[in-house]
Amino acid sequence: AVVSTQSTGDHAASHLGRCEGHIALIRSIPLLASKGACLVPNTTLAKTGVSQTDIVRGNNRDKIKDVVHDIASSAHVHAEHCEKLMADLPPRSTYGLLPLTPAKMFLNRLQKYDFDIFNDRTLVRPPSLSFVLFKDSMKVDMKCRVKRYAATMDYMKKQNSRR
């Protein structure tokens, strides 16, 4: 069966949205805990043996790290799927999937600080984010230019062969 580019793009965007949803949940844990709330799904809490009050009070940091690791692992799986699907898309349509770059940077930073969401360094936006996004957008732009150049050269070859 032939998969259309549009459905592949939709599928990639779906995985990106799920990845970003998981990241938003992780980022919200400290803020909501300071207000006495917890939005982490009960199934995730039960799997790791953490209660909502543990998260709100900041008790059992090691178990909270396990909760964050579980959610981050799911986000990482969705990021990987999105990246694999991006390879099958035309270069120009990958511009819409550039938010994958900061998502992956956050997941890497979270891993670097051992999934400690209460550590301020995990939530700080890296100063290199703008540069990395610019670099990734230039890669997409260069792929578009190369593809356009190749199409132009093919057209010129066909025109010359007709003469």
N, C-alpha and C. Protein backbone atom coordinates (compact mmCIF):
# COMPACT_ATOMS: atom_id res chain seq x y z
N ALA A 1 0.83 -1.17 0.00
CA ALA A 1 0.00 0.00 0.00
C ALA A 1 0.88 1.25 0.00
N VAL A 2 0.50 2.20 -0.79
CA VAL A 2 1.25 3.44 -0.89
C VAL A 2 0.70 4.42 0.15
N VAL A 3 1.61 4.98 0.93
CA VAL A 3 1.22 5.95 1.96
C VAL A 3 1.44 7.34 1.39
N SER A 4 0.42 8.17 1.47
CA SER A 4 0.56 9.52 0.92
C SER A 4 1.42 10.36 1.83
N THR A 5 2.02 11.40 1.25
CA THR A 5 2.86 12.32 2.01
C THR A 5 2.05 13.05 3.07
N GLN A 6 0.80 13.37 2.74
CA GLN A 6 -0.03 14.10 3.69
C GLN A 6 -0.29 13.26 4.94
N SER A 7 -0.62 11.99 4.75
CA SER A 7 -0.89 11.15 5.93
C SER A 7 0.39 10.91 6.72
N THR A 8 1.52 10.82 6.06
CA THR A 8 2.80 10.67 6.77
C THR A 8 3.09 11.94 7.57
N GLY A 9 2.84 13.09 6.98
CA GLY A 9 3.04 14.35 7.68
C GLY A 9 2.11 14.48 8.87
N ASP A 10 0.86 14.07 8.69
CA ASP A 10 -0.11 14.10 9.80
C ASP A 10 0.33 13.17 10.92
N HIS A 11 0.82 12.00 10.53
CA HIS A 11 1.26 11.02 11.52
C HIS A 11 2.48 11.55 12.29
N ALA A 12 3.42 12.17 11.58
CA ALA A 12 4.60 12.75 12.23
C ALA A 12 4.19 13.88 13.17
N ALA A 13 3.26 14.73 12.72
CA ALA A 13 2.80 15.83 13.57
C ALA A 13 2.07 15.31 14.80
N SER A 14 1.36 14.20 14.65
CA SER A 14 0.67 13.59 15.78
C SER A 14 1.67 13.13 16.84
N HIS A 15 2.74 12.47 16.39
CA HIS A 15 3.77 12.03 17.33
C HIS A 15 4.46 13.22 17.97
N LEU A 16 4.70 14.27 17.21
CA LEU A 16 5.32 15.47 17.78
C LEU A 16 4.41 16.08 18.84
N GLY A 17 3.12 16.14 18.57
CA GLY A 17 2.17 16.69 19.53
C GLY A 17 2.11 15.87 20.82
N ARG A 18 2.18 14.57 20.68
CA ARG A 18 2.19 13.71 21.87
C ARG A 18 3.47 13.91 22.67
N CYS A 19 4.58 14.02 21.97
CA CYS A 19 5.86 14.27 22.63
C CYS A 19 5.80 15.59 23.41
N GLU A 20 5.30 16.62 22.76
CA GLU A 20 5.22 17.93 23.42
C GLU A 20 4.21 17.91 24.57
N GLY A 21 3.16 17.12 24.46
CA GLY A 21 2.20 17.00 25.55
C GLY A 21 2.84 16.37 26.78
N HIS A 22 3.64 15.32 26.55
CA HIS A 22 4.35 14.69 27.66
C HIS A 22 5.34 15.66 28.30
N ILE A 23 6.02 16.43 27.46
CA ILE A 23 6.98 17.40 27.98
C ILE A 23 6.27 18.49 28.78
N ALA A 24 5.12 18.93 28.30
CA ALA A 24 4.35 19.94 29.04
C ALA A 24 3.92 19.40 30.40
N LEU A 25 3.55 18.13 30.43
CA LEU A 25 3.17 17.50 31.70
C LEU A 25 4.37 17.49 32.65
N ILE A 26 5.53 17.12 32.15
CA ILE A 26 6.74 17.08 32.99
C ILE A 26 7.07 18.48 33.51
N ARG A 27 7.04 19.46 32.60
CA ARG A 27 7.38 20.83 33.00
C ARG A 27 6.40 21.40 34.02
N SER A 28 5.16 20.93 33.99
CA SER A 28 4.14 21.49 34.89
C SER A 28 4.22 20.92 36.30
N ILE A 29 4.94 19.84 36.48
CA ILE A 29 4.96 19.18 37.80
C ILE A 29 5.38 20.13 38.92
N PRO A 30 6.52 20.84 38.82
CA PRO A 30 6.91 21.71 39.94
C PRO A 30 5.93 22.86 40.19
N LEU A 31 5.44 23.48 39.13
CA LEU A 31 4.51 24.61 39.30
C LEU A 31 3.21 24.15 39.96
N LEU A 32 2.65 23.07 39.45
CA LEU A 32 1.40 22.58 40.01
C LEU A 32 1.60 22.05 41.43
N ALA A 33 2.75 21.45 41.69
CA ALA A 33 3.03 20.95 43.04
C ALA A 33 3.08 22.10 44.04
N SER A 34 3.62 23.24 43.60
CA SER A 34 3.68 24.40 44.50
C SER A 34 2.28 24.96 44.79
N LYS A 35 1.33 24.64 43.93
CA LYS A 35 -0.05 25.10 44.14
C LYS A 35 -0.93 24.00 44.73
N GLY A 36 -0.30 22.86 45.07
CA GLY A 36 -1.04 21.77 45.69
C GLY A 36 -1.79 20.88 44.73
N ALA A 37 -1.38 20.85 43.48
CA ALA A 37 -2.07 20.03 42.48
C ALA A 37 -1.08 19.06 41.81
N CYS A 38 -1.64 18.02 41.21
CA CYS A 38 -0.82 17.04 40.48
C CYS A 38 -1.66 16.49 39.34
N LEU A 39 -1.15 16.62 38.12
CA LEU A 39 -1.88 16.13 36.95
C LEU A 39 -1.29 14.84 36.36
N VAL A 40 -0.32 14.27 37.05
CA VAL A 40 0.29 13.04 36.55
C VAL A 40 -0.77 11.93 36.63
N PRO A 41 -0.92 11.16 35.55
CA PRO A 41 -1.95 10.11 35.54
C PRO A 41 -1.74 9.11 36.69
N ASN A 42 -2.83 8.66 37.26
CA ASN A 42 -2.78 7.72 38.39
C ASN A 42 -2.11 6.40 38.00
N THR A 43 -2.26 5.98 36.75
CA THR A 43 -1.61 4.73 36.33
C THR A 43 -0.09 4.86 36.40
N THR A 44 0.44 6.01 36.02
CA THR A 44 1.88 6.24 36.10
C THR A 44 2.33 6.29 37.56
N LEU A 45 1.55 6.96 38.39
CA LEU A 45 1.88 7.03 39.82
C LEU A 45 1.85 5.64 40.45
N ALA A 46 0.83 4.85 40.12
CA ALA A 46 0.70 3.51 40.69
C ALA A 46 1.85 2.60 40.25
N LYS A 47 2.26 2.76 38.98
CA LYS A 47 3.33 1.93 38.45
C LYS A 47 4.65 2.16 39.20
N THR A 48 4.88 3.39 39.63
CA THR A 48 6.13 3.73 40.30
C THR A 48 5.99 3.79 41.82
N GLY A 49 4.78 3.66 42.33
CA GLY A 49 4.57 3.66 43.78
C GLY A 49 4.64 5.03 44.42
N VAL A 50 4.28 6.05 43.68
CA VAL A 50 4.29 7.42 44.18
C VAL A 50 2.85 7.90 44.33
N SER A 51 2.58 8.65 45.37
CA SER A 51 1.24 9.22 45.54
C SER A 51 1.26 10.68 45.10
N GLN A 52 0.07 11.22 44.90
CA GLN A 52 -0.02 12.63 44.53
C GLN A 52 0.51 13.53 45.64
N THR A 53 0.30 13.14 46.87
CA THR A 53 0.81 13.95 47.98
C THR A 53 2.34 13.94 48.02
N ASP A 54 2.96 12.83 47.60
CA ASP A 54 4.44 12.80 47.53
C ASP A 54 4.93 13.86 46.55
N ILE A 55 4.25 13.98 45.43
CA ILE A 55 4.67 14.95 44.42
C ILE A 55 4.42 16.37 44.92
N VAL A 56 3.26 16.60 45.52
CA VAL A 56 2.92 17.94 46.00
C VAL A 56 3.89 18.39 47.10
N ARG A 57 4.24 17.47 47.98
CA ARG A 57 5.16 17.81 49.08
C ARG A 57 6.63 17.71 48.69
N GLY A 58 6.91 17.06 47.56
CA GLY A 58 8.30 16.89 47.13
C GLY A 58 9.01 15.77 47.86
N ASN A 59 8.23 14.85 48.48
CA ASN A 59 8.81 13.68 49.17
C ASN A 59 9.22 12.63 48.16
N ASN A 60 10.08 11.72 48.59
CA ASN A 60 10.51 10.59 47.76
C ASN A 60 11.04 11.05 46.40
N ARG A 61 12.03 11.89 46.43
CA ARG A 61 12.57 12.44 45.17
C ARG A 61 13.00 11.37 44.19
N ASP A 62 13.56 10.29 44.70
CA ASP A 62 14.01 9.22 43.80
C ASP A 62 12.83 8.58 43.06
N LYS A 63 11.73 8.39 43.76
CA LYS A 63 10.56 7.81 43.11
C LYS A 63 9.92 8.82 42.14
N ILE A 64 9.98 10.10 42.49
CA ILE A 64 9.47 11.13 41.57
C ILE A 64 10.31 11.15 40.30
N LYS A 65 11.61 10.93 40.45
CA LYS A 65 12.48 10.84 39.27
C LYS A 65 12.04 9.67 38.39
N ASP A 66 11.61 8.57 39.03
CA ASP A 66 11.12 7.42 38.25
C ASP A 66 9.86 7.78 37.48
N VAL A 67 8.98 8.56 38.10
CA VAL A 67 7.76 9.01 37.41
C VAL A 67 8.13 9.86 36.21
N VAL A 68 9.04 10.82 36.42
CA VAL A 68 9.47 11.71 35.34
C VAL A 68 10.17 10.90 34.25
N HIS A 69 10.98 9.92 34.64
CA HIS A 69 11.66 9.06 33.66
C HIS A 69 10.65 8.30 32.82
N ASP A 70 9.60 7.80 33.44
CA ASP A 70 8.57 7.05 32.72
C ASP A 70 7.88 7.93 31.68
N ILE A 71 7.52 9.13 32.08
CA ILE A 71 6.86 10.06 31.14
C ILE A 71 7.83 10.49 30.05
N ALA A 72 9.07 10.77 30.43
CA ALA A 72 10.09 11.20 29.45
C ALA A 72 10.40 10.09 28.46
N SER A 73 10.37 8.84 28.92
CA SER A 73 10.62 7.72 28.00
C SER A 73 9.54 7.65 26.93
N SER A 74 8.31 7.86 27.34
CA SER A 74 7.21 7.87 26.38
C SER A 74 7.37 9.03 25.39
N ALA A 75 7.77 10.20 25.91
CA ALA A 75 8.00 11.36 25.03
C ALA A 75 9.12 11.06 24.05
N HIS A 76 10.16 10.41 24.52
CA HIS A 76 11.30 10.09 23.66
C HIS A 76 10.88 9.13 22.53
N VAL A 77 10.05 8.15 22.85
CA VAL A 77 9.57 7.20 21.84
C VAL A 77 8.81 7.95 20.75
N HIS A 78 7.95 8.89 21.16
CA HIS A 78 7.20 9.67 20.16
C HIS A 78 8.12 10.56 19.34
N ALA A 79 9.16 11.12 19.97
CA ALA A 79 10.13 11.94 19.23
C ALA A 79 10.87 11.11 18.19
N GLU A 80 11.25 9.89 18.56
CA GLU A 80 11.94 9.00 17.63
C GLU A 80 11.04 8.64 16.45
N HIS A 81 9.77 8.34 16.73
CA HIS A 81 8.83 8.02 15.63
C HIS A 81 8.68 9.22 14.70
N CYS A 82 8.56 10.40 15.26
CA CYS A 82 8.43 11.61 14.46
C CYS A 82 9.66 11.79 13.57
N GLU A 83 10.82 11.57 14.14
CA GLU A 83 12.06 11.74 13.38
C GLU A 83 12.15 10.73 12.23
N LYS A 84 11.74 9.50 12.48
CA LYS A 84 11.75 8.48 11.42
C LYS A 84 10.78 8.85 10.30
N LEU A 85 9.62 9.36 10.66
CA LEU A 85 8.63 9.74 9.66
C LEU A 85 9.08 10.97 8.87
N MET A 86 9.85 11.84 9.50
CA MET A 86 10.35 13.04 8.81
C MET A 86 11.24 12.68 7.63
N ALA A 87 11.92 11.55 7.72
CA ALA A 87 12.82 11.13 6.64
C ALA A 87 12.04 10.85 5.35
N ASP A 88 10.77 10.48 5.48
CA ASP A 88 9.94 10.15 4.31
C ASP A 88 9.20 11.35 3.74
N LEU A 89 9.36 12.52 4.37
CA LEU A 89 8.63 13.71 3.93
C LEU A 89 9.48 14.55 2.99
N PRO A 90 8.84 15.31 2.10
CA PRO A 90 9.59 16.27 1.31
C PRO A 90 10.20 17.32 2.23
N PRO A 91 11.38 17.83 1.89
CA PRO A 91 12.08 18.76 2.80
C PRO A 91 11.25 19.94 3.26
N ARG A 92 10.49 20.55 2.36
CA ARG A 92 9.75 21.76 2.73
C ARG A 92 8.71 21.49 3.81
N SER A 93 8.15 20.29 3.85
CA SER A 93 7.12 20.02 4.85
C SER A 93 7.68 19.73 6.23
N THR A 94 9.00 19.65 6.36
CA THR A 94 9.57 19.42 7.68
C THR A 94 9.73 20.71 8.49
N TYR A 95 9.49 21.85 7.87
CA TYR A 95 9.53 23.12 8.62
C TYR A 95 8.55 23.08 9.79
N GLY A 96 7.39 22.52 9.58
CA GLY A 96 6.37 22.47 10.61
C GLY A 96 6.73 21.56 11.77
N LEU A 97 7.75 20.73 11.57
CA LEU A 97 8.16 19.81 12.62
C LEU A 97 9.43 20.27 13.33
N LEU A 98 9.84 21.52 13.11
CA LEU A 98 11.02 22.05 13.80
C LEU A 98 10.87 22.11 15.32
N PRO A 99 9.65 22.20 15.88
CA PRO A 99 9.55 22.15 17.35
C PRO A 99 10.10 20.87 17.97
N LEU A 100 10.40 19.88 17.14
CA LEU A 100 11.03 18.67 17.66
C LEU A 100 12.41 18.97 18.23
N THR A 101 13.08 19.98 17.69
CA THR A 101 14.43 20.34 18.15
C THR A 101 14.44 20.74 19.62
N PRO A 102 13.65 21.73 20.05
CA PRO A 102 13.68 22.06 21.49
C PRO A 102 13.15 20.93 22.37
N ALA A 103 12.23 20.13 21.84
CA ALA A 103 11.72 19.00 22.62
C ALA A 103 12.84 18.01 22.92
N LYS A 104 13.63 17.69 21.90
CA LYS A 104 14.74 16.76 22.11
C LYS A 104 15.81 17.36 23.01
N MET A 105 16.02 18.67 22.88
CA MET A 105 17.00 19.33 23.76
C MET A 105 16.54 19.24 25.22
N PHE A 106 15.25 19.43 25.47
CA PHE A 106 14.74 19.34 26.84
C PHE A 106 14.90 17.93 27.38
N LEU A 107 14.56 16.92 26.56
CA LEU A 107 14.68 15.54 27.02
C LEU A 107 16.14 15.19 27.33
N ASN A 108 17.06 15.68 26.50
CA ASN A 108 18.48 15.44 26.77
C ASN A 108 18.93 16.12 28.07
N ARG A 109 18.46 17.35 28.29
CA ARG A 109 18.82 18.08 29.50
C ARG A 109 18.22 17.39 30.73
N LEU A 110 17.03 16.88 30.60
CA LEU A 110 16.38 16.16 31.69
C LEU A 110 17.19 14.92 32.05
N GLN A 111 17.66 14.23 31.03
CA GLN A 111 18.48 13.04 31.27
C GLN A 111 19.81 13.44 31.91
N LYS A 112 20.38 14.55 31.47
CA LYS A 112 21.66 15.01 32.01
C LYS A 112 21.57 15.27 33.51
N TYR A 113 20.44 15.81 33.96
CA TYR A 113 20.25 16.11 35.37
C TYR A 113 19.46 15.00 36.08
N ASP A 114 19.55 13.80 35.57
CA ASP A 114 19.01 12.60 36.21
C ASP A 114 17.51 12.70 36.50
N PHE A 115 16.77 13.30 35.59
CA PHE A 115 15.31 13.37 35.64
C PHE A 115 14.79 14.05 36.91
N ASP A 116 15.61 14.95 37.47
CA ASP A 116 15.22 15.71 38.65
C ASP A 116 14.49 16.97 38.20
N ILE A 117 13.17 16.91 38.16
CA ILE A 117 12.38 18.01 37.66
C ILE A 117 12.36 19.19 38.62
N PHE A 118 12.71 18.96 39.87
CA PHE A 118 12.76 20.05 40.84
C PHE A 118 14.09 20.79 40.82
N ASN A 119 15.02 20.34 39.99
CA ASN A 119 16.28 21.04 39.78
C ASN A 119 16.03 22.17 38.77
N ASP A 120 16.36 23.39 39.16
CA ASP A 120 16.06 24.55 38.30
C ASP A 120 16.74 24.47 36.94
N ARG A 121 17.88 23.82 36.88
CA ARG A 121 18.63 23.76 35.60
C ARG A 121 17.91 22.95 34.53
N THR A 122 17.00 22.07 34.94
CA THR A 122 16.28 21.29 33.93
C THR A 122 15.24 22.12 33.21
N LEU A 123 14.73 23.16 33.87
CA LEU A 123 13.65 23.95 33.28
C LEU A 123 14.13 25.20 32.56
N VAL A 124 15.40 25.57 32.74
CA VAL A 124 15.93 26.78 32.12
C VAL A 124 16.15 26.53 30.63
N ARG A 125 15.72 27.48 29.81
CA ARG A 125 15.91 27.37 28.37
C ARG A 125 17.39 27.58 28.04
N PRO A 126 17.98 26.68 27.27
CA PRO A 126 19.41 26.82 26.97
C PRO A 126 19.66 28.03 26.05
N PRO A 127 20.76 28.74 26.27
CA PRO A 127 21.04 29.90 25.42
C PRO A 127 21.29 29.52 23.96
N SER A 128 21.65 28.28 23.71
CA SER A 128 21.96 27.84 22.34
C SER A 128 20.71 27.48 21.54
N LEU A 129 19.53 27.56 22.14
CA LEU A 129 18.30 27.12 21.46
C LEU A 129 18.07 27.86 20.15
N SER A 130 18.22 29.18 20.16
CA SER A 130 17.99 29.97 18.94
C SER A 130 18.95 29.55 17.83
N PHE A 131 20.20 29.35 18.20
CA PHE A 131 21.20 28.96 17.20
C PHE A 131 20.89 27.57 16.63
N VAL A 132 20.53 26.63 17.50
CA VAL A 132 20.24 25.27 17.05
C VAL A 132 19.01 25.26 16.14
N LEU A 133 17.98 26.03 16.50
CA LEU A 133 16.81 26.11 15.63
C LEU A 133 17.15 26.73 14.28
N PHE A 134 17.98 27.78 14.30
CA PHE A 134 18.40 28.40 13.06
C PHE A 134 19.17 27.41 12.20
N LYS A 135 20.08 26.67 12.82
CA LYS A 135 20.89 25.68 12.09
C LYS A 135 19.99 24.60 11.48
N ASP A 136 19.01 24.11 12.26
CA ASP A 136 18.11 23.09 11.73
C ASP A 136 17.24 23.62 10.60
N SER A 137 16.80 24.87 10.71
CA SER A 137 15.99 25.45 9.63
C SER A 137 16.84 25.64 8.38
N MET A 138 18.12 25.95 8.55
CA MET A 138 19.01 26.10 7.39
C MET A 138 19.25 24.75 6.71
N LYS A 139 19.30 23.68 7.49
CA LYS A 139 19.43 22.34 6.91
C LYS A 139 18.23 22.03 6.02
N VAL A 140 17.03 22.35 6.53
CA VAL A 140 15.82 22.12 5.75
C VAL A 140 15.84 22.97 4.49
N ASP A 141 16.24 24.23 4.64
CA ASP A 141 16.31 25.13 3.50
C ASP A 141 17.30 24.62 2.45
N MET A 142 18.43 24.11 2.91
CA MET A 142 19.45 23.60 1.97
C MET A 142 18.93 22.37 1.24
N LYS A 143 18.21 21.49 1.94
CA LYS A 143 17.64 20.31 1.28
C LYS A 143 16.66 20.74 0.20
N CYS A 144 15.86 21.77 0.48
CA CYS A 144 14.90 22.28 -0.51
C CYS A 144 15.63 22.82 -1.74
N ARG A 145 16.71 23.57 -1.51
CA ARG A 145 17.46 24.14 -2.62
C ARG A 145 18.11 23.06 -3.47
N VAL A 146 18.67 22.05 -2.82
CA VAL A 146 19.31 20.95 -3.56
C VAL A 146 18.28 20.22 -4.40
N LYS A 147 17.13 19.96 -3.83
CA LYS A 147 16.07 19.27 -4.57
C LYS A 147 15.60 20.10 -5.76
N ARG A 148 15.45 21.41 -5.54
CA ARG A 148 15.02 22.30 -6.63
C ARG A 148 16.08 22.34 -7.73
N TYR A 149 17.36 22.39 -7.34
CA TYR A 149 18.46 22.41 -8.31
C TYR A 149 18.46 21.11 -9.12
N ALA A 150 18.28 19.98 -8.44
CA ALA A 150 18.26 18.69 -9.14
C ALA A 150 17.10 18.64 -10.14
N ALA A 151 15.94 19.15 -9.75
CA ALA A 151 14.79 19.16 -10.65
C ALA A 151 15.06 20.05 -11.86
N THR A 152 15.72 21.18 -11.64
CA THR A 152 16.06 22.09 -12.74
C THR A 152 17.04 21.43 -13.70
N MET A 153 18.03 20.73 -13.15
CA MET A 153 19.02 20.05 -14.00
C MET A 153 18.36 18.94 -14.81
N ASP A 154 17.45 18.19 -14.21
CA ASP A 154 16.73 17.14 -14.95
C ASP A 154 15.92 17.74 -16.08
N TYR A 155 15.26 18.86 -15.82
CA TYR A 155 14.47 19.53 -16.84
C TYR A 155 15.37 19.98 -17.99
N MET A 156 16.53 20.54 -17.65
CA MET A 156 17.45 21.02 -18.69
C MET A 156 17.98 19.85 -19.53
N LYS A 157 18.25 18.72 -18.91
CA LYS A 157 18.73 17.55 -19.65
C LYS A 157 17.66 17.06 -20.62
N LYS A 158 16.41 17.05 -20.17
CA LYS A 158 15.32 16.63 -21.05
C LYS A 158 15.17 17.58 -22.23
N GLN A 159 15.32 18.86 -21.98
CA GLN A 159 15.21 19.86 -23.04
C GLN A 159 16.33 19.70 -24.05
N ASN A 160 17.54 19.44 -23.56
CA ASN A 160 18.69 19.25 -24.46
C ASN A 160 18.59 17.96 -25.26
N SER A 161 18.01 16.93 -24.68
CA SER A 161 17.90 15.66 -25.39
C SER A 161 16.84 15.72 -26.50
N ARG A 162 15.91 16.63 -26.42
CA ARG A 162 14.87 16.78 -27.44
C ARG A 162 15.40 17.48 -28.68
N ARG A 163 16.47 18.20 -28.54
CA ARG A 163 16.98 18.95 -29.67
C ARG A 163 17.70 18.11 -30.65
